[in-house]
Amino acid sequence: MQIFNLAKKIFLFYYEGFKNMTVGKRLWVIILVKLFFMFAILKLFFFPDFLKTNFSTDKQRSDYVIEQMTSPVINNK
């Protein structure tokens, strides 16, 4: 019961804070638009799905990832 009251107090703290904002609402809209742009738009155009385009099965993809994660790094200097 005490955890529920704490969670309720935290929720009400943020709810009242956001409800009474004036300039902050605009700032949050700008932040959300920028996040959408970064994660949705940029991912579509600049970060293709490497594994799906180079491997046809899940087994091949998982083998490649395991090989890349466990292979030793060779320093050629």
PDB file of N, CA and C in Angstrom:
ATOM      1  N   MET A   1       0.827  -1.192   0.000  1.00  0.00           N
ATOM      2  CA  MET A   1       0.000   0.000   0.000  1.00  0.00           C
ATOM      3  C   MET A   1       0.872   1.256   0.000  1.00  0.00           C
ATOM      4  N   GLN A   2       1.984   1.206   0.699  1.00  0.00           N
ATOM      5  CA  GLN A   2       2.866   2.359   0.772  1.00  0.00           C
ATOM      6  C   GLN A   2       3.515   2.645  -0.586  1.00  0.00           C
ATOM      7  N   ILE A   3       3.827   1.586  -1.332  1.00  0.00           N
ATOM      8  CA  ILE A   3       4.416   1.762  -2.658  1.00  0.00           C
ATOM      9  C   ILE A   3       3.408   2.417  -3.591  1.00  0.00           C
ATOM     10  N   PHE A   4       2.133   2.026  -3.480  1.00  0.00           N
ATOM     11  CA  PHE A   4       1.088   2.617  -4.299  1.00  0.00           C
ATOM     12  C   PHE A   4       0.964   4.109  -4.008  1.00  0.00           C
ATOM     13  N   ASN A   5       1.001   4.495  -2.741  1.00  0.00           N
ATOM     14  CA  ASN A   5       0.911   5.914  -2.373  1.00  0.00           C
ATOM     15  C   ASN A   5       2.112   6.696  -2.896  1.00  0.00           C
ATOM     16  N   LEU A   6       3.290   6.106  -2.821  1.00  0.00           N
ATOM     17  CA  LEU A   6       4.485   6.763  -3.330  1.00  0.00           C
ATOM     18  C   LEU A   6       4.378   6.961  -4.845  1.00  0.00           C
ATOM     19  N   ALA A   7       3.942   5.922  -5.553  1.00  0.00           N
ATOM     20  CA  ALA A   7       3.790   6.018  -7.003  1.00  0.00           C
ATOM     21  C   ALA A   7       2.742   7.076  -7.351  1.00  0.00           C
ATOM     22  N   LYS A   8       1.667   7.138  -6.582  1.00  0.00           N
ATOM     23  CA  LYS A   8       0.616   8.129  -6.825  1.00  0.00           C
ATOM     24  C   LYS A   8       1.149   9.538  -6.611  1.00  0.00           C
ATOM     25  N   LYS A   9       1.937   9.737  -5.554  1.00  0.00           N
ATOM     26  CA  LYS A   9       2.509  11.052  -5.273  1.00  0.00           C
ATOM     27  C   LYS A   9       3.464  11.484  -6.388  1.00  0.00           C
ATOM     28  N   ILE A  10       4.272  10.547  -6.876  1.00  0.00           N
ATOM     29  CA  ILE A  10       5.210  10.863  -7.962  1.00  0.00           C
ATOM     30  C   ILE A  10       4.443  11.222  -9.227  1.00  0.00           C
ATOM     31  N   PHE A  11       3.412  10.435  -9.545  1.00  0.00           N
ATOM     32  CA  PHE A  11       2.603  10.711 -10.733  1.00  0.00           C
ATOM     33  C   PHE A  11       1.941  12.085 -10.631  1.00  0.00           C
ATOM     34  N   LEU A  12       1.340  12.374  -9.494  1.00  0.00           N
ATOM     35  CA  LEU A  12       0.666  13.662  -9.329  1.00  0.00           C
ATOM     36  C   LEU A  12       1.653  14.832  -9.390  1.00  0.00           C
ATOM     37  N   PHE A  13       2.857  14.639  -8.880  1.00  0.00           N
ATOM     38  CA  PHE A  13       3.894  15.667  -8.947  1.00  0.00           C
ATOM     39  C   PHE A  13       4.176  16.049 -10.399  1.00  0.00           C
ATOM     40  N   TYR A  14       4.407  15.039 -11.246  1.00  0.00           N
ATOM     41  CA  TYR A  14       4.709  15.322 -12.643  1.00  0.00           C
ATOM     42  C   TYR A  14       3.475  15.794 -13.396  1.00  0.00           C
ATOM     43  N   TYR A  15       2.320  15.225 -13.092  1.00  0.00           N
ATOM     44  CA  TYR A  15       1.078  15.614 -13.769  1.00  0.00           C
ATOM     45  C   TYR A  15       0.771  17.082 -13.527  1.00  0.00           C
ATOM     46  N   GLU A  16       0.833  17.509 -12.284  1.00  0.00           N
ATOM     47  CA  GLU A  16       0.572  18.911 -11.956  1.00  0.00           C
ATOM     48  C   GLU A  16       1.635  19.824 -12.571  1.00  0.00           C
ATOM     49  N   GLY A  17       2.864  19.380 -12.570  1.00  0.00           N
ATOM     50  CA  GLY A  17       3.931  20.178 -13.154  1.00  0.00           C
ATOM     51  C   GLY A  17       3.742  20.406 -14.639  1.00  0.00           C
ATOM     52  N   PHE A  18       3.385  19.345 -15.376  1.00  0.00           N
ATOM     53  CA  PHE A  18       3.169  19.489 -16.810  1.00  0.00           C
ATOM     54  C   PHE A  18       1.901  20.264 -17.113  1.00  0.00           C
ATOM     55  N   LYS A  19       0.902  20.118 -16.283  1.00  0.00           N
ATOM     56  CA  LYS A  19      -0.371  20.799 -16.506  1.00  0.00           C
ATOM     57  C   LYS A  19      -0.209  22.309 -16.374  1.00  0.00           C
ATOM     58  N   ASN A  20       0.641  22.762 -15.477  1.00  0.00           N
ATOM     59  CA  ASN A  20       0.804  24.188 -15.224  1.00  0.00           C
ATOM     60  C   ASN A  20       1.903  24.835 -16.071  1.00  0.00           C
ATOM     61  N   MET A  21       2.523  24.098 -16.965  1.00  0.00           N
ATOM     62  CA  MET A  21       3.584  24.657 -17.804  1.00  0.00           C
ATOM     63  C   MET A  21       3.010  25.589 -18.865  1.00  0.00           C
ATOM     64  N   THR A  22       3.795  26.572 -19.244  1.00  0.00           N
ATOM     65  CA  THR A  22       3.421  27.396 -20.391  1.00  0.00           C
ATOM     66  C   THR A  22       4.503  27.276 -21.459  1.00  0.00           C
ATOM     67  N   VAL A  23       5.695  27.715 -21.176  1.00  0.00           N
ATOM     68  CA  VAL A  23       6.800  27.622 -22.134  1.00  0.00           C
ATOM     69  C   VAL A  23       7.290  26.186 -22.241  1.00  0.00           C
ATOM     70  N   GLY A  24       7.224  25.453 -21.150  1.00  0.00           N
ATOM     71  CA  GLY A  24       7.723  24.081 -21.127  1.00  0.00           C
ATOM     72  C   GLY A  24       7.028  23.171 -22.110  1.00  0.00           C
ATOM     73  N   LYS A  25       5.740  23.414 -22.357  1.00  0.00           N
ATOM     74  CA  LYS A  25       5.009  22.578 -23.313  1.00  0.00           C
ATOM     75  C   LYS A  25       5.598  22.710 -24.710  1.00  0.00           C
ATOM     76  N   ARG A  26       5.940  23.933 -25.088  1.00  0.00           N
ATOM     77  CA  ARG A  26       6.568  24.135 -26.396  1.00  0.00           C
ATOM     78  C   ARG A  26       7.919  23.436 -26.465  1.00  0.00           C
ATOM     79  N   LEU A  27       8.665  23.523 -25.388  1.00  0.00           N
ATOM     80  CA  LEU A  27       9.972  22.869 -25.371  1.00  0.00           C
ATOM     81  C   LEU A  27       9.830  21.354 -25.490  1.00  0.00           C
ATOM     82  N   TRP A  28       8.846  20.773 -24.806  1.00  0.00           N
ATOM     83  CA  TRP A  28       8.621  19.332 -24.914  1.00  0.00           C
ATOM     84  C   TRP A  28       8.196  18.940 -26.323  1.00  0.00           C
ATOM     85  N   VAL A  29       7.403  19.783 -26.983  1.00  0.00           N
ATOM     86  CA  VAL A  29       7.018  19.496 -28.373  1.00  0.00           C
ATOM     87  C   VAL A  29       8.254  19.501 -29.256  1.00  0.00           C
ATOM     88  N   ILE A  30       9.133  20.473 -29.069  1.00  0.00           N
ATOM     89  CA  ILE A  30      10.368  20.538 -29.856  1.00  0.00           C
ATOM     90  C   ILE A  30      11.228  19.308 -29.597  1.00  0.00           C
ATOM     91  N   ILE A  31      11.348  18.907 -28.339  1.00  0.00           N
ATOM     92  CA  ILE A  31      12.140  17.718 -27.999  1.00  0.00           C
ATOM     93  C   ILE A  31      11.559  16.474 -28.652  1.00  0.00           C
ATOM     94  N   LEU A  32      10.249  16.298 -28.589  1.00  0.00           N
ATOM     95  CA  LEU A  32       9.610  15.108 -29.177  1.00  0.00           C
ATOM     96  C   LEU A  32       9.743  15.092 -30.695  1.00  0.00           C
ATOM     97  N   VAL A  33       9.620  16.248 -31.341  1.00  0.00           N
ATOM     98  CA  VAL A  33       9.794  16.304 -32.796  1.00  0.00           C
ATOM     99  C   VAL A  33      11.224  15.936 -33.172  1.00  0.00           C
ATOM    100  N   LYS A  34      12.193  16.447 -32.420  1.00  0.00           N
ATOM    101  CA  LYS A  34      13.589  16.121 -32.706  1.00  0.00           C
ATOM    102  C   LYS A  34      13.869  14.634 -32.505  1.00  0.00           C
ATOM    103  N   LEU A  35      13.321  14.044 -31.436  1.00  0.00           N
ATOM    104  CA  LEU A  35      13.505  12.608 -31.216  1.00  0.00           C
ATOM    105  C   LEU A  35      12.872  11.792 -32.331  1.00  0.00           C
ATOM    106  N   PHE A  36      11.668  12.180 -32.755  1.00  0.00           N
ATOM    107  CA  PHE A  36      11.028  11.478 -33.869  1.00  0.00           C
ATOM    108  C   PHE A  36      11.897  11.570 -35.115  1.00  0.00           C
ATOM    109  N   PHE A  37      12.399  12.750 -35.394  1.00  0.00           N
ATOM    110  CA  PHE A  37      13.249  12.926 -36.566  1.00  0.00           C
ATOM    111  C   PHE A  37      14.495  12.058 -36.484  1.00  0.00           C
ATOM    112  N   MET A  38      15.137  12.053 -35.322  1.00  0.00           N
ATOM    113  CA  MET A  38      16.380  11.293 -35.178  1.00  0.00           C
ATOM    114  C   MET A  38      16.142   9.793 -35.311  1.00  0.00           C
ATOM    115  N   PHE A  39      15.113   9.280 -34.671  1.00  0.00           N
ATOM    116  CA  PHE A  39      14.939   7.833 -34.643  1.00  0.00           C
ATOM    117  C   PHE A  39      14.136   7.289 -35.802  1.00  0.00           C
ATOM    118  N   ALA A  40      13.220   8.033 -36.337  1.00  0.00           N
ATOM    119  CA  ALA A  40      12.382   7.508 -37.426  1.00  0.00           C
ATOM    120  C   ALA A  40      12.950   7.872 -38.794  1.00  0.00           C
ATOM    121  N   ILE A  41      13.120   9.134 -39.045  1.00  0.00           N
ATOM    122  CA  ILE A  41      13.533   9.587 -40.374  1.00  0.00           C
ATOM    123  C   ILE A  41      14.976   9.196 -40.676  1.00  0.00           C
ATOM    124  N   LEU A  42      15.895   9.497 -39.788  1.00  0.00           N
ATOM    125  CA  LEU A  42      17.301   9.181 -40.051  1.00  0.00           C
ATOM    126  C   LEU A  42      17.541   7.685 -40.167  1.00  0.00           C
ATOM    127  N   LYS A  43      16.849   6.892 -39.373  1.00  0.00           N
ATOM    128  CA  LYS A  43      17.031   5.439 -39.442  1.00  0.00           C
ATOM    129  C   LYS A  43      16.599   4.910 -40.804  1.00  0.00           C
ATOM    130  N   LEU A  44      15.513   5.441 -41.329  1.00  0.00           N
ATOM    131  CA  LEU A  44      15.025   4.970 -42.624  1.00  0.00           C
ATOM    132  C   LEU A  44      16.015   5.227 -43.754  1.00  0.00           C
ATOM    133  N   PHE A  45      16.659   6.400 -43.735  1.00  0.00           N
ATOM    134  CA  PHE A  45      17.498   6.784 -44.862  1.00  0.00           C
ATOM    135  C   PHE A  45      18.980   6.483 -44.692  1.00  0.00           C
ATOM    136  N   PHE A  46      19.488   6.492 -43.466  1.00  0.00           N
ATOM    137  CA  PHE A  46      20.929   6.374 -43.290  1.00  0.00           C
ATOM    138  C   PHE A  46      21.401   5.086 -42.633  1.00  0.00           C
ATOM    139  N   PHE A  47      20.506   4.318 -42.069  1.00  0.00           N
ATOM    140  CA  PHE A  47      20.906   3.091 -41.386  1.00  0.00           C
ATOM    141  C   PHE A  47      20.110   1.906 -41.920  1.00  0.00           C
ATOM    142  N   PRO A  48      20.539   1.338 -43.041  1.00  0.00           N
ATOM    143  CA  PRO A  48      19.816   0.203 -43.608  1.00  0.00           C
ATOM    144  C   PRO A  48      19.964  -1.036 -42.721  1.00  0.00           C
ATOM    145  N   ASP A  49      19.071  -1.975 -42.897  1.00  0.00           N
ATOM    146  CA  ASP A  49      19.101  -3.208 -42.115  1.00  0.00           C
ATOM    147  C   ASP A  49      20.168  -4.135 -42.706  1.00  0.00           C
ATOM    148  N   PHE A  50      21.365  -4.053 -42.162  1.00  0.00           N
ATOM    149  CA  PHE A  50      22.524  -4.788 -42.690  1.00  0.00           C
ATOM    150  C   PHE A  50      22.296  -6.297 -42.668  1.00  0.00           C
ATOM    151  N   LEU A  51      21.815  -6.814 -41.551  1.00  0.00           N
ATOM    152  CA  LEU A  51      21.658  -8.262 -41.431  1.00  0.00           C
ATOM    153  C   LEU A  51      20.587  -8.804 -42.376  1.00  0.00           C
ATOM    154  N   LYS A  52      19.496  -8.080 -42.523  1.00  0.00           N
ATOM    155  CA  LYS A  52      18.417  -8.575 -43.375  1.00  0.00           C
ATOM    156  C   LYS A  52      18.812  -8.539 -44.850  1.00  0.00           C
ATOM    157  N   THR A  53      19.631  -7.572 -45.239  1.00  0.00           N
ATOM    158  CA  THR A  53      20.012  -7.487 -46.645  1.00  0.00           C
ATOM    159  C   THR A  53      21.138  -8.451 -47.001  1.00  0.00           C
ATOM    160  N   ASN A  54      21.983  -8.824 -46.052  1.00  0.00           N
ATOM    161  CA  ASN A  54      23.133  -9.677 -46.366  1.00  0.00           C
ATOM    162  C   ASN A  54      22.941 -11.151 -46.024  1.00  0.00           C
ATOM    163  N   PHE A  55      21.940 -11.473 -45.233  1.00  0.00           N
ATOM    164  CA  PHE A  55      21.719 -12.859 -44.836  1.00  0.00           C
ATOM    165  C   PHE A  55      20.248 -13.203 -45.008  1.00  0.00           C
ATOM    166  N   SER A  56      19.990 -14.433 -45.443  1.00  0.00           N
ATOM    167  CA  SER A  56      18.598 -14.785 -45.747  1.00  0.00           C
ATOM    168  C   SER A  56      17.869 -15.475 -44.602  1.00  0.00           C
ATOM    169  N   THR A  57      18.586 -16.113 -43.686  1.00  0.00           N
ATOM    170  CA  THR A  57      17.912 -16.829 -42.603  1.00  0.00           C
ATOM    171  C   THR A  57      18.347 -16.293 -41.241  1.00  0.00           C
ATOM    172  N   ASP A  58      17.525 -16.572 -40.246  1.00  0.00           N
ATOM    173  CA  ASP A  58      17.857 -16.153 -38.885  1.00  0.00           C
ATOM    174  C   ASP A  58      19.109 -16.856 -38.379  1.00  0.00           C
ATOM    175  N   LYS A  59      19.312 -18.084 -38.789  1.00  0.00           N
ATOM    176  CA  LYS A  59      20.491 -18.837 -38.376  1.00  0.00           C
ATOM    177  C   LYS A  59      21.765 -18.163 -38.879  1.00  0.00           C
ATOM    178  N   GLN A  60      21.770 -17.745 -40.136  1.00  0.00           N
ATOM    179  CA  GLN A  60      22.935 -17.057 -40.695  1.00  0.00           C
ATOM    180  C   GLN A  60      23.186 -15.736 -39.972  1.00  0.00           C
ATOM    181  N   ARG A  61      22.114 -15.013 -39.678  1.00  0.00           N
ATOM    182  CA  ARG A  61      22.253 -13.735 -38.969  1.00  0.00           C
ATOM    183  C   ARG A  61      22.833 -13.944 -37.582  1.00  0.00           C
ATOM    184  N   SER A  62      22.302 -14.926 -36.851  1.00  0.00           N
ATOM    185  CA  SER A  62      22.795 -15.156 -35.495  1.00  0.00           C
ATOM    186  C   SER A  62      24.236 -15.652 -35.507  1.00  0.00           C
ATOM    187  N   ASP A  63      24.594 -16.498 -36.464  1.00  0.00           N
ATOM    188  CA  ASP A  63      25.984 -16.955 -36.564  1.00  0.00           C
ATOM    189  C   ASP A  63      26.930 -15.787 -36.836  1.00  0.00           C
ATOM    190  N   TYR A  64      26.527 -14.870 -37.702  1.00  0.00           N
ATOM    191  CA  TYR A  64      27.357 -13.713 -38.013  1.00  0.00           C
ATOM    192  C   TYR A  64      27.550 -12.835 -36.776  1.00  0.00           C
ATOM    193  N   VAL A  65      26.468 -12.569 -36.046  1.00  0.00           N
ATOM    194  CA  VAL A  65      26.554 -11.714 -34.862  1.00  0.00           C
ATOM    195  C   VAL A  65      27.444 -12.353 -33.805  1.00  0.00           C
ATOM    196  N   ILE A  66      27.275 -13.662 -33.574  1.00  0.00           N
ATOM    197  CA  ILE A  66      28.111 -14.358 -32.591  1.00  0.00           C
ATOM    198  C   ILE A  66      29.573 -14.330 -33.009  1.00  0.00           C
ATOM    199  N   GLU A  67      29.814 -14.524 -34.303  1.00  0.00           N
ATOM    200  CA  GLU A  67      31.196 -14.496 -34.798  1.00  0.00           C
ATOM    201  C   GLU A  67      31.817 -13.116 -34.593  1.00  0.00           C
ATOM    202  N   GLN A  68      31.063 -12.052 -34.862  1.00  0.00           N
ATOM    203  CA  GLN A  68      31.579 -10.696 -34.704  1.00  0.00           C
ATOM    204  C   GLN A  68      31.822 -10.336 -33.243  1.00  0.00           C
ATOM    205  N   MET A  69      30.992 -10.849 -32.359  1.00  0.00           N
ATOM    206  CA  MET A  69      31.126 -10.525 -30.941  1.00  0.00           C
ATOM    207  C   MET A  69      32.230 -11.311 -30.250  1.00  0.00           C
ATOM    208  N   THR A  70      32.527 -12.513 -30.748  1.00  0.00           N
ATOM    209  CA  THR A  70      33.491 -13.372 -30.064  1.00  0.00           C
ATOM    210  C   THR A  70      34.847 -13.450 -30.745  1.00  0.00           C
ATOM    211  N   SER A  71      34.982 -12.895 -31.935  1.00  0.00           N
ATOM    212  CA  SER A  71      36.277 -12.985 -32.613  1.00  0.00           C
ATOM    213  C   SER A  71      37.260 -12.003 -31.973  1.00  0.00           C
ATOM    214  N   PRO A  72      38.514 -12.423 -31.821  1.00  0.00           N
ATOM    215  CA  PRO A  72      39.521 -11.538 -31.197  1.00  0.00           C
ATOM    216  C   PRO A  72      39.853 -10.367 -32.125  1.00  0.00           C
ATOM    217  N   VAL A  73      40.217  -9.277 -31.528  1.00  0.00           N
ATOM    218  CA  VAL A  73      40.602  -8.078 -32.295  1.00  0.00           C
ATOM    219  C   VAL A  73      42.072  -8.192 -32.632  1.00  0.00           C
ATOM    220  N   ILE A  74      42.400  -7.977 -33.898  1.00  0.00           N
ATOM    221  CA  ILE A  74      43.776  -8.052 -34.349  1.00  0.00           C
ATOM    222  C   ILE A  74      44.250  -6.628 -34.645  1.00  0.00           C
ATOM    223  N   ASN A  75      45.286  -6.200 -33.970  1.00  0.00           N
ATOM    224  CA  ASN A  75      45.848  -4.872 -34.162  1.00  0.00           C
ATOM    225  C   ASN A  75      47.008  -4.944 -35.142  1.00  0.00           C
ATOM    226  N   ASN A  76      46.800  -4.409 -36.336  1.00  0.00           N
ATOM    227  CA  ASN A  76      47.877  -4.365 -37.335  1.00  0.00           C
ATOM    228  C   ASN A  76      48.490  -2.976 -37.323  1.00  0.00           C
ATOM    229  N   LYS A  77      49.652  -2.859 -36.680  1.00  0.00           N
ATOM    230  CA  LYS A  77      50.321  -1.550 -36.616  1.00  0.00           C
ATOM    231  C   LYS A  77      51.580  -1.568 -37.410  1.00  0.00           C
TER     232      LYS A  77
END
